[in-house]
Each structure stands twice: as structure tokens, then as C-alpha cells.
N, C-alpha and C. Protein backbone atom coordinates (compact mmCIF):
# COMPACT_ATOMS: atom_id res chain seq x y z
N MET A 1 -59.99 70.70 124.03
CA MET A 1 -59.29 69.70 123.25
C MET A 1 -59.67 68.26 123.74
N GLU A 2 -59.72 68.20 125.10
CA GLU A 2 -60.04 66.87 125.68
C GLU A 2 -61.43 66.41 125.23
N GLU A 3 -62.40 67.35 125.21
CA GLU A 3 -63.77 67.02 124.86
C GLU A 3 -63.79 66.56 123.36
N ILE A 4 -62.99 67.21 122.49
CA ILE A 4 -62.98 66.90 121.11
C ILE A 4 -62.43 65.42 120.91
N LEU A 5 -61.33 65.14 121.58
CA LEU A 5 -60.73 63.81 121.52
C LEU A 5 -61.72 62.75 121.98
N GLN A 6 -62.39 63.06 123.07
CA GLN A 6 -63.38 62.16 123.70
C GLN A 6 -64.46 61.86 122.71
N TYR A 7 -64.97 62.94 122.07
CA TYR A 7 -66.07 62.79 121.09
C TYR A 7 -65.66 61.93 119.93
N VAL A 8 -64.44 62.17 119.35
CA VAL A 8 -63.91 61.42 118.27
C VAL A 8 -63.77 60.01 118.62
N THR A 9 -63.21 59.69 119.76
CA THR A 9 -62.99 58.30 120.18
C THR A 9 -64.30 57.55 120.40
N THR A 10 -65.30 58.29 120.98
CA THR A 10 -66.60 57.60 121.28
C THR A 10 -67.41 57.39 120.01
N ASN A 11 -67.28 58.39 119.14
CA ASN A 11 -68.15 58.32 117.88
C ASN A 11 -67.44 57.98 116.61
N TYR A 12 -66.26 57.31 116.73
CA TYR A 12 -65.42 57.00 115.63
C TYR A 12 -66.20 56.24 114.51
N PRO A 13 -66.97 55.18 114.89
CA PRO A 13 -67.71 54.43 113.79
C PRO A 13 -68.67 55.35 113.04
N THR A 14 -69.34 56.23 113.77
CA THR A 14 -70.29 57.13 113.05
C THR A 14 -69.51 58.13 112.12
N ILE A 15 -68.40 58.65 112.62
CA ILE A 15 -67.61 59.61 111.85
C ILE A 15 -67.05 58.86 110.62
N ALA A 16 -66.61 57.62 110.75
CA ALA A 16 -66.12 56.82 109.63
C ALA A 16 -67.19 56.57 108.56
N ARG A 17 -68.43 56.29 109.10
CA ARG A 17 -69.55 56.02 108.13
C ARG A 17 -69.88 57.24 107.39
N LEU A 18 -69.92 58.39 108.08
CA LEU A 18 -70.33 59.63 107.40
C LEU A 18 -69.23 60.06 106.46
N THR A 19 -67.97 59.78 106.78
CA THR A 19 -66.87 60.13 105.83
C THR A 19 -67.00 59.33 104.60
N ILE A 20 -67.36 58.05 104.69
CA ILE A 20 -67.54 57.17 103.52
C ILE A 20 -68.67 57.65 102.66
N GLU A 21 -69.79 58.04 103.31
CA GLU A 21 -70.89 58.62 102.59
C GLU A 21 -70.51 59.89 101.82
N HIS A 22 -69.76 60.74 102.51
CA HIS A 22 -69.26 61.97 101.89
C HIS A 22 -68.36 61.68 100.64
N LEU A 23 -67.45 60.78 100.84
CA LEU A 23 -66.58 60.40 99.75
C LEU A 23 -67.28 59.78 98.56
N TYR A 24 -68.27 58.93 98.92
CA TYR A 24 -69.08 58.28 97.79
C TYR A 24 -69.79 59.32 96.98
N LEU A 25 -70.39 60.27 97.71
CA LEU A 25 -71.23 61.29 97.00
C LEU A 25 -70.27 62.12 96.05
N VAL A 26 -69.21 62.59 96.57
CA VAL A 26 -68.29 63.37 95.71
C VAL A 26 -67.56 62.56 94.65
N SER A 27 -67.21 61.32 94.99
CA SER A 27 -66.56 60.49 93.97
C SER A 27 -67.43 60.20 92.73
N VAL A 28 -68.67 59.84 93.01
CA VAL A 28 -69.60 59.52 91.96
C VAL A 28 -69.91 60.74 91.11
N SER A 29 -70.15 61.86 91.80
CA SER A 29 -70.45 63.11 91.07
C SER A 29 -69.33 63.65 90.26
N VAL A 30 -68.11 63.72 90.87
CA VAL A 30 -67.01 64.26 90.14
C VAL A 30 -66.53 63.26 89.04
N GLY A 31 -66.66 61.95 89.34
CA GLY A 31 -66.29 60.90 88.35
C GLY A 31 -67.14 61.09 87.08
N ALA A 32 -68.43 61.30 87.32
CA ALA A 32 -69.37 61.48 86.16
C ALA A 32 -69.00 62.78 85.40
N ALA A 33 -68.60 63.83 86.16
CA ALA A 33 -68.23 65.09 85.59
C ALA A 33 -66.95 64.97 84.75
N ILE A 34 -66.03 64.12 85.16
CA ILE A 34 -64.85 63.94 84.33
C ILE A 34 -65.16 63.25 83.04
N LEU A 35 -66.06 62.20 83.12
CA LEU A 35 -66.43 61.48 81.94
C LEU A 35 -67.17 62.34 80.89
N SER A 36 -67.87 63.37 81.39
CA SER A 36 -68.55 64.27 80.50
C SER A 36 -67.74 65.51 80.12
N GLY A 37 -67.08 66.08 81.18
CA GLY A 37 -66.42 67.36 81.07
C GLY A 37 -65.15 67.34 80.13
N VAL A 38 -64.43 66.20 80.24
CA VAL A 38 -63.20 66.18 79.38
C VAL A 38 -63.55 66.09 77.87
N PRO A 39 -64.46 65.18 77.53
CA PRO A 39 -64.86 65.18 76.12
C PRO A 39 -65.49 66.47 75.59
N ILE A 40 -66.24 67.14 76.48
CA ILE A 40 -66.81 68.40 76.11
C ILE A 40 -65.71 69.42 75.86
N GLY A 41 -64.80 69.47 76.74
CA GLY A 41 -63.64 70.41 76.71
C GLY A 41 -62.86 70.25 75.44
N ILE A 42 -62.65 68.92 74.99
CA ILE A 42 -61.94 68.62 73.82
C ILE A 42 -62.81 69.07 72.57
N LEU A 43 -64.03 68.78 72.66
CA LEU A 43 -64.96 69.08 71.51
C LEU A 43 -65.06 70.50 71.17
N ILE A 44 -65.16 71.39 72.25
CA ILE A 44 -65.37 72.77 72.02
C ILE A 44 -64.08 73.49 71.51
N THR A 45 -62.96 72.79 71.50
CA THR A 45 -61.68 73.41 70.91
C THR A 45 -61.87 73.64 69.46
N LYS A 46 -62.81 72.94 68.85
CA LYS A 46 -62.99 73.04 67.37
C LYS A 46 -63.84 74.24 66.95
N ASP A 47 -64.52 74.83 67.95
CA ASP A 47 -65.52 75.91 67.61
C ASP A 47 -65.46 76.95 68.71
N LYS A 48 -64.94 78.11 68.42
CA LYS A 48 -64.74 79.22 69.40
C LYS A 48 -66.10 79.69 69.95
N GLN A 49 -67.07 79.83 69.05
CA GLN A 49 -68.43 80.28 69.54
C GLN A 49 -69.07 79.26 70.47
N LEU A 50 -68.94 77.99 70.11
CA LEU A 50 -69.52 76.96 70.99
C LEU A 50 -68.78 76.98 72.34
N ALA A 51 -67.47 77.16 72.22
CA ALA A 51 -66.71 77.19 73.45
C ALA A 51 -67.15 78.31 74.42
N ASP A 52 -67.32 79.47 73.82
CA ASP A 52 -67.77 80.67 74.64
C ASP A 52 -69.18 80.36 75.25
N ALA A 53 -70.06 79.80 74.53
CA ALA A 53 -71.42 79.50 75.03
C ALA A 53 -71.34 78.42 76.10
N VAL A 54 -70.62 77.31 75.94
CA VAL A 54 -70.51 76.27 76.95
C VAL A 54 -69.85 76.83 78.23
N LEU A 55 -68.77 77.53 78.10
CA LEU A 55 -68.12 78.07 79.28
C LEU A 55 -68.98 79.07 79.96
N TYR A 56 -69.70 79.81 79.24
CA TYR A 56 -70.58 80.85 79.87
C TYR A 56 -71.73 80.12 80.72
N VAL A 57 -72.31 79.09 80.13
CA VAL A 57 -73.37 78.34 80.88
C VAL A 57 -72.75 77.74 82.11
N ALA A 58 -71.56 77.10 81.94
CA ALA A 58 -70.91 76.46 83.15
C ALA A 58 -70.57 77.52 84.16
N SER A 59 -70.20 78.66 83.78
CA SER A 59 -69.81 79.77 84.72
C SER A 59 -71.06 80.22 85.46
N VAL A 60 -72.17 80.32 84.75
CA VAL A 60 -73.46 80.73 85.44
C VAL A 60 -73.88 79.66 86.41
N ILE A 61 -73.74 78.40 86.07
CA ILE A 61 -74.16 77.37 87.01
C ILE A 61 -73.37 77.39 88.33
N ILE A 62 -72.03 77.65 88.19
CA ILE A 62 -71.21 77.56 89.39
C ILE A 62 -71.44 78.81 90.29
N THR A 63 -72.07 79.79 89.76
CA THR A 63 -72.41 81.00 90.64
C THR A 63 -73.65 80.85 91.46
N ILE A 64 -74.48 79.81 91.13
CA ILE A 64 -75.76 79.53 91.83
C ILE A 64 -75.37 79.11 93.25
N PRO A 65 -75.86 79.70 94.32
CA PRO A 65 -75.54 79.24 95.69
C PRO A 65 -75.97 77.82 95.87
N SER A 66 -75.14 77.05 96.63
CA SER A 66 -75.31 75.63 96.73
C SER A 66 -76.72 75.29 97.35
N VAL A 67 -77.15 76.07 98.36
CA VAL A 67 -78.44 75.78 98.90
C VAL A 67 -79.51 75.93 97.89
N ALA A 68 -79.42 76.95 97.08
CA ALA A 68 -80.42 77.16 96.00
C ALA A 68 -80.38 76.04 95.00
N MET A 69 -79.21 75.60 94.60
CA MET A 69 -79.03 74.54 93.63
C MET A 69 -79.64 73.26 94.16
N PHE A 70 -79.39 72.89 95.43
CA PHE A 70 -80.01 71.69 96.02
C PHE A 70 -81.48 71.83 96.06
N GLY A 71 -81.94 73.08 96.38
CA GLY A 71 -83.38 73.34 96.39
C GLY A 71 -84.06 73.15 95.03
N LEU A 72 -83.36 73.55 93.99
CA LEU A 72 -83.93 73.47 92.63
C LEU A 72 -84.02 71.98 92.20
N MET A 73 -83.04 71.11 92.67
CA MET A 73 -83.10 69.76 92.35
C MET A 73 -84.33 68.97 92.92
N ILE A 74 -84.78 69.46 94.07
CA ILE A 74 -85.87 68.69 94.77
C ILE A 74 -87.16 68.66 93.91
N PRO A 75 -87.71 69.74 93.44
CA PRO A 75 -88.90 69.60 92.63
C PRO A 75 -88.71 68.89 91.35
N LEU A 76 -87.56 69.11 90.72
CA LEU A 76 -87.28 68.50 89.47
C LEU A 76 -87.22 66.94 89.57
N LEU A 77 -86.51 66.47 90.57
CA LEU A 77 -86.35 65.01 90.77
C LEU A 77 -87.50 64.38 91.45
N SER A 78 -88.36 65.22 92.06
CA SER A 78 -89.59 64.72 92.71
C SER A 78 -90.51 64.08 91.62
N LEU A 79 -90.36 64.53 90.42
CA LEU A 79 -91.16 63.99 89.32
C LEU A 79 -90.85 62.50 89.08
N VAL A 80 -89.64 62.12 89.44
CA VAL A 80 -89.32 60.62 89.26
C VAL A 80 -89.04 60.04 90.62
N ASP A 81 -89.67 60.64 91.70
CA ASP A 81 -89.52 60.11 93.04
C ASP A 81 -88.06 60.04 93.59
N ARG A 82 -87.28 60.97 93.21
CA ARG A 82 -85.87 61.08 93.64
C ARG A 82 -85.60 62.46 94.22
N GLY A 83 -86.61 63.13 94.79
CA GLY A 83 -86.39 64.52 95.18
C GLY A 83 -85.56 64.71 96.45
N ILE A 84 -85.39 63.71 97.31
CA ILE A 84 -84.62 63.83 98.51
C ILE A 84 -83.56 62.78 98.52
N GLY A 85 -82.38 63.11 99.12
CA GLY A 85 -81.29 62.06 99.24
C GLY A 85 -80.19 62.26 98.33
N PHE A 86 -79.65 61.09 97.90
CA PHE A 86 -78.38 61.09 97.18
C PHE A 86 -78.44 61.80 95.79
N TRP A 87 -79.45 61.50 95.01
CA TRP A 87 -79.52 61.95 93.65
C TRP A 87 -79.52 63.41 93.41
N PRO A 88 -80.37 64.18 94.08
CA PRO A 88 -80.33 65.65 93.94
C PRO A 88 -78.97 66.23 94.32
N ALA A 89 -78.37 65.69 95.31
CA ALA A 89 -77.02 66.15 95.70
C ALA A 89 -76.02 65.87 94.68
N ALA A 90 -76.03 64.59 94.20
CA ALA A 90 -75.10 64.15 93.24
C ALA A 90 -75.16 64.97 91.94
N ILE A 91 -76.34 65.21 91.51
CA ILE A 91 -76.48 66.00 90.25
C ILE A 91 -76.09 67.42 90.45
N ALA A 92 -76.35 68.00 91.57
CA ALA A 92 -75.89 69.39 91.84
C ALA A 92 -74.35 69.47 91.87
N ILE A 93 -73.72 68.50 92.52
CA ILE A 93 -72.22 68.52 92.60
C ILE A 93 -71.65 68.23 91.19
N PHE A 94 -72.36 67.31 90.42
CA PHE A 94 -71.91 67.11 89.05
C PHE A 94 -71.90 68.40 88.19
N LEU A 95 -72.95 69.23 88.40
CA LEU A 95 -73.08 70.44 87.66
C LEU A 95 -71.98 71.47 88.11
N TYR A 96 -71.69 71.54 89.39
CA TYR A 96 -70.66 72.38 89.96
C TYR A 96 -69.30 71.97 89.44
N SER A 97 -69.08 70.70 89.17
CA SER A 97 -67.77 70.21 88.72
C SER A 97 -67.47 70.53 87.26
N GLN A 98 -68.42 70.90 86.53
CA GLN A 98 -68.24 71.02 85.08
C GLN A 98 -67.27 72.15 84.72
N LEU A 99 -67.44 73.29 85.32
CA LEU A 99 -66.58 74.47 84.81
C LEU A 99 -65.12 74.19 84.93
N PRO A 100 -64.59 73.84 86.15
CA PRO A 100 -63.15 73.67 86.25
C PRO A 100 -62.58 72.57 85.27
N ILE A 101 -63.40 71.51 85.10
CA ILE A 101 -62.93 70.40 84.24
C ILE A 101 -62.99 70.80 82.75
N ILE A 102 -64.09 71.38 82.35
CA ILE A 102 -64.26 71.82 80.95
C ILE A 102 -63.25 72.90 80.57
N ARG A 103 -63.14 73.85 81.46
CA ARG A 103 -62.33 75.06 81.22
C ARG A 103 -60.89 74.59 81.14
N ASN A 104 -60.40 73.75 82.03
CA ASN A 104 -58.97 73.37 82.04
C ASN A 104 -58.68 72.45 80.87
N THR A 105 -59.65 71.58 80.50
CA THR A 105 -59.38 70.71 79.29
C THR A 105 -59.32 71.54 78.05
N TYR A 106 -60.25 72.53 77.91
CA TYR A 106 -60.23 73.44 76.72
C TYR A 106 -58.94 74.21 76.66
N THR A 107 -58.53 74.79 77.81
CA THR A 107 -57.32 75.60 77.84
C THR A 107 -56.08 74.80 77.54
N ALA A 108 -56.03 73.58 78.09
CA ALA A 108 -54.84 72.67 77.87
C ALA A 108 -54.70 72.31 76.44
N ILE A 109 -55.79 71.92 75.84
CA ILE A 109 -55.72 71.45 74.41
C ILE A 109 -55.40 72.63 73.53
N ASN A 110 -56.02 73.78 73.77
CA ASN A 110 -55.84 74.96 72.97
C ASN A 110 -54.37 75.54 73.04
N ASN A 111 -53.74 75.33 74.19
CA ASN A 111 -52.44 75.84 74.34
C ASN A 111 -51.26 75.02 73.93
N ILE A 112 -51.55 73.87 73.35
CA ILE A 112 -50.52 73.01 72.90
C ILE A 112 -49.78 73.62 71.71
N ASP A 113 -48.54 73.55 71.75
CA ASP A 113 -47.66 74.17 70.64
C ASP A 113 -48.14 73.66 69.26
N PRO A 114 -48.52 74.54 68.39
CA PRO A 114 -48.96 74.14 67.01
C PRO A 114 -47.83 73.28 66.31
N ALA A 115 -46.56 73.60 66.63
CA ALA A 115 -45.49 72.86 65.99
C ALA A 115 -45.55 71.35 66.31
N LEU A 116 -46.00 71.05 67.48
CA LEU A 116 -46.17 69.61 67.90
C LEU A 116 -47.27 68.97 67.07
N ARG A 117 -48.35 69.70 66.87
CA ARG A 117 -49.40 69.16 66.02
C ARG A 117 -48.91 68.89 64.63
N GLU A 118 -48.16 69.85 64.07
CA GLU A 118 -47.63 69.70 62.71
C GLU A 118 -46.63 68.50 62.67
N ALA A 119 -45.87 68.36 63.66
CA ALA A 119 -44.93 67.28 63.71
C ALA A 119 -45.65 65.88 63.71
N ALA A 120 -46.78 65.85 64.47
CA ALA A 120 -47.61 64.61 64.51
C ALA A 120 -48.20 64.37 63.18
N LYS A 121 -48.67 65.40 62.48
CA LYS A 121 -49.28 65.25 61.18
C LYS A 121 -48.22 64.71 60.16
N GLY A 122 -47.01 65.30 60.35
CA GLY A 122 -45.91 64.93 59.46
C GLY A 122 -45.57 63.45 59.62
N MET A 123 -45.76 62.89 60.80
CA MET A 123 -45.51 61.51 61.11
C MET A 123 -46.64 60.56 60.61
N GLY A 124 -47.67 61.23 60.01
CA GLY A 124 -48.80 60.37 59.43
C GLY A 124 -49.90 60.08 60.41
N MET A 125 -49.90 60.75 61.56
CA MET A 125 -50.98 60.46 62.60
C MET A 125 -52.32 61.09 62.11
N SER A 126 -53.36 60.32 62.32
CA SER A 126 -54.77 60.80 62.11
C SER A 126 -55.10 61.81 63.22
N ASP A 127 -56.24 62.47 63.09
CA ASP A 127 -56.68 63.43 64.18
C ASP A 127 -56.82 62.71 65.43
N TRP A 128 -57.42 61.51 65.44
CA TRP A 128 -57.66 60.77 66.68
C TRP A 128 -56.36 60.28 67.24
N GLN A 129 -55.43 59.82 66.47
CA GLN A 129 -54.14 59.39 66.98
C GLN A 129 -53.36 60.57 67.57
N ARG A 130 -53.45 61.74 66.94
CA ARG A 130 -52.80 62.89 67.45
C ARG A 130 -53.34 63.31 68.80
N LEU A 131 -54.68 63.26 68.90
CA LEU A 131 -55.34 63.61 70.14
C LEU A 131 -54.92 62.61 71.26
N ALA A 132 -54.99 61.35 70.96
CA ALA A 132 -54.67 60.32 72.03
C ALA A 132 -53.18 60.25 72.37
N ARG A 133 -52.35 60.37 71.40
CA ARG A 133 -50.91 60.15 71.66
C ARG A 133 -50.07 61.43 71.96
N VAL A 134 -50.58 62.58 71.53
CA VAL A 134 -49.86 63.84 71.72
C VAL A 134 -50.57 64.83 72.61
N GLU A 135 -51.87 65.18 72.18
CA GLU A 135 -52.51 66.28 72.80
C GLU A 135 -52.94 65.97 74.23
N ILE A 136 -53.65 64.87 74.41
CA ILE A 136 -54.12 64.50 75.75
C ILE A 136 -52.96 64.30 76.76
N PRO A 137 -51.94 63.50 76.43
CA PRO A 137 -50.82 63.33 77.35
C PRO A 137 -50.19 64.70 77.74
N LEU A 138 -50.07 65.63 76.79
CA LEU A 138 -49.55 66.92 77.11
C LEU A 138 -50.46 67.80 77.95
N ALA A 139 -51.78 67.56 77.78
CA ALA A 139 -52.76 68.30 78.48
C ALA A 139 -53.09 67.82 79.89
N VAL A 140 -52.56 66.56 80.26
CA VAL A 140 -52.94 65.94 81.46
C VAL A 140 -52.68 66.82 82.67
N PRO A 141 -51.47 67.49 82.84
CA PRO A 141 -51.28 68.31 84.04
C PRO A 141 -52.40 69.34 84.31
N VAL A 142 -52.74 70.06 83.19
CA VAL A 142 -53.79 71.09 83.36
C VAL A 142 -55.14 70.54 83.57
N ILE A 143 -55.52 69.41 82.95
CA ILE A 143 -56.77 68.75 83.12
C ILE A 143 -56.88 68.33 84.61
N MET A 144 -55.82 67.59 85.07
CA MET A 144 -55.84 67.14 86.44
C MET A 144 -55.94 68.29 87.45
N ALA A 145 -55.38 69.40 87.17
CA ALA A 145 -55.43 70.58 87.99
C ALA A 145 -56.99 70.94 88.13
N GLY A 146 -57.70 70.90 87.04
CA GLY A 146 -59.12 71.17 87.06
C GLY A 146 -59.90 70.17 87.88
N VAL A 147 -59.52 68.88 87.77
CA VAL A 147 -60.09 67.80 88.54
C VAL A 147 -59.88 67.98 90.06
N ARG A 148 -58.64 68.37 90.36
CA ARG A 148 -58.31 68.61 91.78
C ARG A 148 -59.17 69.75 92.30
N MET A 149 -59.27 70.79 91.52
CA MET A 149 -60.10 71.96 91.94
C MET A 149 -61.55 71.52 92.21
N ALA A 150 -62.10 70.74 91.32
CA ALA A 150 -63.45 70.28 91.42
C ALA A 150 -63.69 69.42 92.63
N VAL A 151 -62.72 68.53 92.90
CA VAL A 151 -62.85 67.60 94.04
C VAL A 151 -62.76 68.42 95.37
N VAL A 152 -61.80 69.28 95.47
CA VAL A 152 -61.64 70.03 96.76
C VAL A 152 -62.83 70.92 97.01
N MET A 153 -63.32 71.58 95.92
CA MET A 153 -64.41 72.52 96.02
C MET A 153 -65.66 71.77 96.46
N ASN A 154 -65.91 70.62 95.89
CA ASN A 154 -67.14 69.95 96.12
C ASN A 154 -67.16 69.13 97.39
N ILE A 155 -65.98 68.83 97.96
CA ILE A 155 -65.88 68.20 99.29
C ILE A 155 -66.55 69.17 100.28
N ALA A 156 -66.30 70.48 100.09
CA ALA A 156 -66.88 71.50 100.91
C ALA A 156 -68.40 71.65 100.66
N VAL A 157 -68.74 71.74 99.31
CA VAL A 157 -70.15 71.89 98.90
C VAL A 157 -71.01 70.79 99.42
N ALA A 158 -70.44 69.58 99.42
CA ALA A 158 -71.24 68.37 99.83
C ALA A 158 -71.72 68.44 101.28
N THR A 159 -71.10 69.27 102.05
CA THR A 159 -71.60 69.40 103.45
C THR A 159 -73.03 69.98 103.52
N ILE A 160 -73.42 70.76 102.51
CA ILE A 160 -74.77 71.31 102.47
C ILE A 160 -75.77 70.24 102.13
N ALA A 161 -75.28 69.19 101.53
CA ALA A 161 -76.24 68.08 101.06
C ALA A 161 -77.02 67.45 102.19
N VAL A 162 -76.54 67.67 103.43
CA VAL A 162 -77.28 67.10 104.61
C VAL A 162 -78.68 67.63 104.68
N TYR A 163 -78.93 68.84 104.20
CA TYR A 163 -80.21 69.53 104.29
C TYR A 163 -81.25 68.90 103.37
N ILE A 164 -80.72 68.08 102.38
CA ILE A 164 -81.70 67.43 101.53
C ILE A 164 -81.68 65.88 101.71
N GLY A 165 -81.10 65.52 102.84
CA GLY A 165 -81.11 64.04 103.26
C GLY A 165 -80.00 63.21 102.61
N ALA A 166 -78.91 63.81 102.13
CA ALA A 166 -77.86 63.01 101.49
C ALA A 166 -76.78 62.61 102.46
N GLY A 167 -76.86 62.97 103.70
CA GLY A 167 -75.90 62.49 104.70
C GLY A 167 -74.53 63.10 104.55
N GLY A 168 -73.50 62.36 104.89
CA GLY A 168 -72.14 62.91 104.83
C GLY A 168 -71.71 63.69 106.08
N LEU A 169 -70.51 64.20 106.03
CA LEU A 169 -69.97 64.89 107.17
C LEU A 169 -70.74 66.14 107.56
N GLY A 170 -71.54 66.67 106.64
CA GLY A 170 -72.41 67.84 106.96
C GLY A 170 -73.35 67.50 108.09
N THR A 171 -73.64 66.23 108.32
CA THR A 171 -74.52 65.79 109.44
C THR A 171 -74.00 66.22 110.79
N ILE A 172 -72.68 66.03 110.96
CA ILE A 172 -72.03 66.49 112.24
C ILE A 172 -72.09 67.99 112.41
N ILE A 173 -71.74 68.67 111.33
CA ILE A 173 -71.78 70.07 111.38
C ILE A 173 -73.19 70.64 111.66
N ASN A 174 -74.21 70.06 110.95
CA ASN A 174 -75.57 70.50 111.15
C ASN A 174 -76.00 70.26 112.64
N GLU A 175 -75.65 69.09 113.20
CA GLU A 175 -75.94 68.78 114.63
C GLU A 175 -75.28 69.81 115.57
N GLY A 176 -74.06 70.15 115.15
CA GLY A 176 -73.38 71.15 115.98
C GLY A 176 -74.05 72.47 115.97
N ILE A 177 -74.51 72.91 114.83
CA ILE A 177 -75.16 74.18 114.65
C ILE A 177 -76.54 74.19 115.40
N THR A 178 -77.39 73.17 115.03
CA THR A 178 -78.72 73.11 115.64
C THR A 178 -78.67 72.91 117.13
N GLY A 179 -77.69 72.18 117.62
CA GLY A 179 -77.61 71.89 119.03
C GLY A 179 -76.68 72.81 119.79
N THR A 180 -76.18 73.83 119.12
CA THR A 180 -75.19 74.75 119.68
C THR A 180 -74.09 73.99 120.38
N ASN A 181 -73.58 72.95 119.67
CA ASN A 181 -72.56 72.06 120.22
C ASN A 181 -71.26 72.35 119.47
N SER A 182 -70.40 73.09 120.13
CA SER A 182 -69.15 73.52 119.50
C SER A 182 -68.22 72.37 119.18
N VAL A 183 -68.29 71.33 119.98
CA VAL A 183 -67.43 70.15 119.80
C VAL A 183 -67.75 69.49 118.45
N LYS A 184 -69.06 69.25 118.24
CA LYS A 184 -69.48 68.64 116.98
C LYS A 184 -69.16 69.50 115.75
N LEU A 185 -69.34 70.84 115.95
CA LEU A 185 -69.08 71.74 114.86
C LEU A 185 -67.62 71.77 114.49
N ILE A 186 -66.72 71.74 115.53
CA ILE A 186 -65.25 71.68 115.20
C ILE A 186 -64.82 70.36 114.63
N VAL A 187 -65.36 69.27 115.12
CA VAL A 187 -65.05 67.94 114.56
C VAL A 187 -65.46 67.80 113.08
N GLY A 188 -66.69 68.26 112.81
CA GLY A 188 -67.19 68.17 111.45
C GLY A 188 -66.36 69.05 110.53
N ALA A 189 -66.06 70.28 110.93
CA ALA A 189 -65.26 71.21 110.10
C ALA A 189 -63.85 70.68 109.89
N VAL A 190 -63.23 70.18 110.88
CA VAL A 190 -61.90 69.64 110.75
C VAL A 190 -61.82 68.45 109.86
N ALA A 191 -62.86 67.57 110.02
CA ALA A 191 -62.97 66.36 109.25
C ALA A 191 -63.11 66.67 107.75
N VAL A 192 -63.91 67.62 107.37
CA VAL A 192 -64.09 68.12 106.00
C VAL A 192 -62.77 68.70 105.50
N SER A 193 -62.15 69.53 106.32
CA SER A 193 -60.88 70.20 105.87
C SER A 193 -59.78 69.14 105.60
N LEU A 194 -59.64 68.18 106.53
CA LEU A 194 -58.62 67.08 106.34
C LEU A 194 -58.91 66.25 105.08
N LEU A 195 -60.17 65.98 104.89
CA LEU A 195 -60.59 65.23 103.68
C LEU A 195 -60.18 65.95 102.43
N ALA A 196 -60.48 67.30 102.39
CA ALA A 196 -60.11 68.07 101.25
C ALA A 196 -58.57 68.13 100.98
N VAL A 197 -57.82 68.26 102.06
CA VAL A 197 -56.34 68.33 101.94
C VAL A 197 -55.79 66.93 101.44
N ILE A 198 -56.29 65.90 102.03
CA ILE A 198 -55.85 64.54 101.58
C ILE A 198 -56.21 64.29 100.17
N ALA A 199 -57.39 64.67 99.75
CA ALA A 199 -57.82 64.48 98.38
C ALA A 199 -56.99 65.27 97.41
N ASP A 200 -56.61 66.50 97.78
CA ASP A 200 -55.81 67.37 96.98
C ASP A 200 -54.42 66.71 96.74
N TYR A 201 -53.79 66.18 97.77
CA TYR A 201 -52.51 65.60 97.63
C TYR A 201 -52.58 64.28 96.90
N LEU A 202 -53.67 63.53 97.06
CA LEU A 202 -53.86 62.26 96.30
C LEU A 202 -53.96 62.54 94.79
N PHE A 203 -54.74 63.59 94.49
CA PHE A 203 -54.90 63.86 93.01
C PHE A 203 -53.62 64.52 92.47
N LEU A 204 -52.84 65.26 93.29
CA LEU A 204 -51.57 65.70 92.84
C LEU A 204 -50.63 64.57 92.51
N PHE A 205 -50.68 63.52 93.37
CA PHE A 205 -49.85 62.35 93.16
C PHE A 205 -50.27 61.65 91.82
N ILE A 206 -51.59 61.53 91.64
CA ILE A 206 -52.09 60.91 90.33
C ILE A 206 -51.65 61.76 89.18
N GLN A 207 -51.76 63.04 89.31
CA GLN A 207 -51.39 63.99 88.34
C GLN A 207 -49.94 63.79 87.85
N LYS A 208 -49.05 63.63 88.89
CA LYS A 208 -47.64 63.41 88.59
C LYS A 208 -47.46 62.06 87.88
N LEU A 209 -48.18 61.05 88.28
CA LEU A 209 -48.03 59.70 87.66
C LEU A 209 -48.43 59.74 86.17
N LEU A 210 -49.51 60.57 85.88
CA LEU A 210 -50.02 60.59 84.52
C LEU A 210 -49.28 61.60 83.61
N THR A 211 -48.41 62.42 84.20
CA THR A 211 -47.75 63.40 83.40
C THR A 211 -46.50 62.89 82.72
N PRO A 212 -46.36 63.14 81.41
CA PRO A 212 -45.13 62.66 80.73
C PRO A 212 -43.88 63.19 81.46
N LYS A 213 -42.83 62.33 81.40
CA LYS A 213 -41.64 62.69 82.19
C LYS A 213 -41.03 64.04 81.84
N GLY A 214 -41.10 64.42 80.54
CA GLY A 214 -40.56 65.72 80.09
C GLY A 214 -41.27 66.89 80.70
N LEU A 215 -42.56 66.68 81.16
CA LEU A 215 -43.29 67.79 81.69
C LEU A 215 -43.35 67.81 83.28
N SER A 216 -42.84 66.71 83.89
CA SER A 216 -42.94 66.56 85.33
C SER A 216 -42.32 67.67 86.15
N GLY A 217 -41.30 68.32 85.59
CA GLY A 217 -40.67 69.36 86.34
C GLY A 217 -41.50 70.65 86.40
N ALA A 218 -42.48 70.77 85.58
CA ALA A 218 -43.28 71.97 85.55
C ALA A 218 -44.40 71.95 86.62
N LEU A 219 -44.62 70.75 87.28
CA LEU A 219 -45.71 70.62 88.22
C LEU A 219 -45.41 71.34 89.46
N PRO A 220 -46.41 71.85 90.24
CA PRO A 220 -46.24 72.53 91.43
C PRO A 220 -45.81 71.56 92.60
């Protein structure tokens, strides 16, 4: 324990820098996934066959091992001189984030009580007004649960990104493995775990803020 505390104290600036790199990679990737996944999830509620196809493709993508996914990005992005570093890692994490976000958005919109839709129609709301004022606010808790899942999952996945030069907390873990240094390995693993826990609670807080008051009691 003493060695761990000494390592953290001595290398705090490096740990802080790698944590920021890690957060930046996950934030950009998952942020882009939210901007694309939520609209896709809403769109496919209109067509069951399209929904099945989109969800199937997203399910296949998430089953690809992270090392293989990062490896696939290298030759593809090498064509535009971006084969190593931030971009292949960001695109891989973006792809991994799609399933939980699309699936939860689709499920949330689909499970809204039809009576509420009819009531909104009866009030003279257009399809867009109904979506913005009724359906999306009611779907927020389930959508945010998907976002939370994507963030926590990809904080762990991002540790593998060190092998393609994307940096992050995986650097400490990799140094611990290659140098058989248990202190570095423990520090890196604990740092990633703490980051995931903090992110989960942060997004739970945001989820509660965005949830209509009448639904807040249903949150975990």
C-alpha cells in the first residue's frame, strides 16, 4: 500500500494528464454517438424491419473484440494518414457506443403509452411537437440509461487504445504489464475503475435532472 501511495504522489501530474486524455477520448466518442444514436433510435421506431436490421448490425459490431476493432481501424484510416493515435480509437469507441444508445432510444419511444400519443394529437400537436414535448421527455430516463452504459463500458474499452498510440490510463496498465510492475498495474486498474464509477454517478445525476418530475420516482 505504501508503494502505491508513493507512486501516486510522485507521478500525480502524469496520472492527471493520462486521465484527461482518457476522458477526452471517451467524451468525444460517446458524445458523437449520442448525436447519431438518438436520432437513429427515433427514426427506426417508424419501421420494424429497419429497426431489426439496424439493431442487428449494432449488435454484431459490439461483439467484435476491442483489440480486433482497433486493429481494423488502422489500415482503414491509414488511407487518410490517421492510422495511429486518437482517431482510430475514437471511431472504434463511437461504434461500440451505438448499440446501447440506439436500443434504449428505440425501446423508450416504442414503449410510450399510446393513450398519451392520442391525447397529444387531440391537443392539436404535430408529429414533431409530440416528439419534442411528450415522447422524448418521457423517454429520457431510458435513453440516459443507455448513455450511462455506453460511457462506463467504453471507459474500460479505452484502456486498450494505448496499443494504437491513443494514450489514456491504459498507458499505466500497459507499463505495469510489460514491466511486470504490480504497483503500476494496480494504480492503472483502480484509476479506470474510479473513473467509471464517478462517470456512472454523474450521468445518473444528469438523468435525474432531465427526467420529468412525475417519473423521477421510477429511477434507480
